[in-house]
Amino acid sequence: MAELTLAAIEQLLEKQTKTLTGKIEASANELAEMIEFLTKQAAHKDDLKELAEHVDNKFAEQAVSFNFIESQIATLRKDLAQLSKRTKEDDGAFTKDLLKLRNRMDQFERQLKKIKQTAAHA
């Protein structure tokens, strides 16, 4: 009877060994598939370098755009300052011209009064 028990234990052990071996092989296959998938999907050094170059190029393009915009704003500010100064100068000159014309008109009116008075007495 001891032989039967030993044979039964060996059979049970062999059966469990086969089951465990099958499970280990299946797990190893699944793990290999996962590693293969991750390897295919993972970013490689060249991919990261290409991405970094792309990002650097985009930032460089933006820097050029910002520099252009800043230069345009500086030009507009300069033009606005010149226009403001010229407008003040033109306003001052216009006011002076108006005062001159008013003085001239006052002189003409005085001369006209004198002529009318002279004509009325004559």
Protein backbone atom coordinates (compact mmCIF):
# COMPACT_ATOMS: atom_id res chain seq x y z
CA MET A 1 0.00 0.00 0.00
CA ALA A 2 2.93 2.27 0.53
CA GLU A 3 3.74 1.91 -3.17
CA LEU A 4 0.30 3.09 -4.15
CA THR A 5 0.59 6.10 -1.98
CA LEU A 6 4.03 6.91 -3.39
CA ALA A 7 2.77 6.41 -6.97
CA ALA A 8 -0.29 8.54 -6.23
CA ILE A 9 1.87 11.27 -4.77
CA GLU A 10 4.21 11.15 -7.78
CA GLN A 11 1.23 11.36 -10.15
CA LEU A 12 -0.24 14.26 -8.21
CA LEU A 13 3.14 15.97 -8.11
CA GLU A 14 3.62 15.42 -11.87
CA LYS A 15 0.13 16.75 -12.58
CA GLN A 16 0.72 19.86 -10.46
CA THR A 17 4.16 20.33 -12.03
CA LYS A 18 2.60 20.23 -15.52
CA THR A 19 -0.11 22.66 -14.43
CA LEU A 20 2.43 25.04 -12.89
CA THR A 21 4.73 24.73 -15.91
CA GLY A 22 1.80 25.54 -18.21
CA LYS A 23 0.83 28.55 -16.09
CA ILE A 24 4.45 29.75 -16.00
CA GLU A 25 4.75 29.38 -19.78
CA ALA A 26 1.45 31.21 -20.31
CA SER A 27 2.52 33.99 -17.93
CA ALA A 28 5.92 34.18 -19.62
CA ASN A 29 4.21 34.43 -23.04
CA GLU A 30 1.86 37.16 -21.80
CA LEU A 31 4.80 38.98 -20.25
CA ALA A 32 6.77 38.68 -23.51
CA GLU A 33 3.78 40.08 -25.45
CA MET A 34 3.49 43.00 -23.01
CA ILE A 35 7.20 43.74 -23.26
CA GLU A 36 7.02 43.59 -27.07
CA PHE A 37 4.01 45.95 -27.08
CA LEU A 38 5.71 48.41 -24.71
CA THR A 39 8.93 48.27 -26.72
CA LYS A 40 7.05 49.09 -29.91
CA GLN A 41 5.06 51.89 -28.26
CA ALA A 42 7.87 53.37 -26.18
CA ALA A 43 9.67 56.49 -27.32
CA HIS A 44 13.22 55.74 -28.27
CA LYS A 45 16.22 58.03 -27.93
CA ASP A 46 15.99 59.08 -31.59
CA ASP A 47 12.27 59.83 -31.22
CA LEU A 48 12.94 61.99 -28.17
CA LYS A 49 15.78 63.80 -29.95
CA GLU A 50 13.52 64.48 -32.95
CA LEU A 51 10.77 65.75 -30.66
CA ALA A 52 13.23 68.02 -28.82
CA GLU A 53 14.46 69.44 -32.14
CA HIS A 54 10.88 70.02 -33.27
CA VAL A 55 10.03 71.85 -30.03
CA ASP A 56 13.25 73.89 -30.25
CA ASN A 57 12.41 74.88 -33.83
CA LYS A 58 8.91 75.95 -32.82
CA PHE A 59 10.28 78.05 -29.95
CA ALA A 60 12.81 79.61 -32.34
CA GLU A 61 9.99 80.47 -34.76
CA GLN A 62 8.01 82.02 -31.92
CA ALA A 63 11.06 84.01 -30.82
CA VAL A 64 11.41 85.39 -34.35
CA SER A 65 7.71 86.28 -34.36
CA PHE A 66 8.00 87.98 -30.97
CA ASN A 67 11.09 89.90 -32.08
CA PHE A 68 9.25 91.07 -35.18
CA ILE A 69 6.23 92.15 -33.13
CA GLU A 70 8.43 93.93 -30.59
CA SER A 71 10.23 95.82 -33.37
CA GLN A 72 6.90 96.80 -34.91
CA ILE A 73 5.63 98.05 -31.55
CA ALA A 74 8.85 100.04 -31.02
CA THR A 75 8.44 101.60 -34.49
CA LEU A 76 4.80 102.45 -33.77
CA ARG A 77 5.75 104.06 -30.45
CA LYS A 78 8.44 106.12 -32.16
CA ASP A 79 6.01 107.21 -34.89
CA LEU A 80 3.38 108.06 -32.30
CA ALA A 81 5.87 110.14 -30.29
CA GLN A 82 6.91 112.01 -33.45
CA LEU A 83 3.29 112.55 -34.45
CA SER A 84 2.43 113.77 -30.98
CA LYS A 85 5.37 116.20 -31.02
CA ARG A 86 4.52 117.37 -34.53
CA THR A 87 0.86 117.80 -33.60
CA LYS A 88 1.86 120.00 -30.65
CA GLU A 89 4.19 122.01 -32.88
CA ASP A 90 1.49 122.30 -35.57
CA ASP A 91 -1.08 123.37 -32.95
CA GLY A 92 1.32 126.02 -31.68
CA ALA A 93 2.05 127.24 -35.21
CA PHE A 94 -1.66 127.24 -36.06
CA THR A 95 -2.43 129.28 -32.95
CA LYS A 96 0.30 131.79 -33.84
CA ASP A 97 -1.05 132.06 -37.40
CA LEU A 98 -4.56 132.62 -36.06
CA LEU A 99 -3.30 135.38 -33.74
CA LYS A 100 -1.42 137.04 -36.61
CA LEU A 101 -4.50 136.92 -38.82
CA ARG A 102 -6.62 138.32 -36.02
CA ASN A 103 -4.18 141.19 -35.47
CA ARG A 104 -4.16 141.87 -39.20
CA MET A 105 -7.93 141.83 -39.31
CA ASP A 106 -8.05 144.24 -36.35
CA GLN A 107 -5.66 146.53 -38.22
CA PHE A 108 -7.82 146.38 -41.35
CA GLU A 109 -10.92 147.15 -39.30
CA ARG A 110 -9.19 150.18 -37.72
CA GLN A 111 -8.04 151.36 -41.12
CA LEU A 112 -11.56 150.87 -42.48
CA LYS A 113 -13.00 152.92 -39.59
CA LYS A 114 -10.52 155.70 -40.34
CA ILE A 115 -11.41 155.63 -44.02
CA LYS A 116 -15.13 155.75 -43.17
CA GLN A 117 -14.60 158.65 -40.77
CA THR A 118 -12.50 160.49 -43.37
CA ALA A 119 -15.14 159.85 -46.03
CA ALA A 120 -17.94 160.97 -43.71
CA HIS A 121 -16.15 164.28 -43.00
CA ALA A 122 -15.28 164.94 -46.55
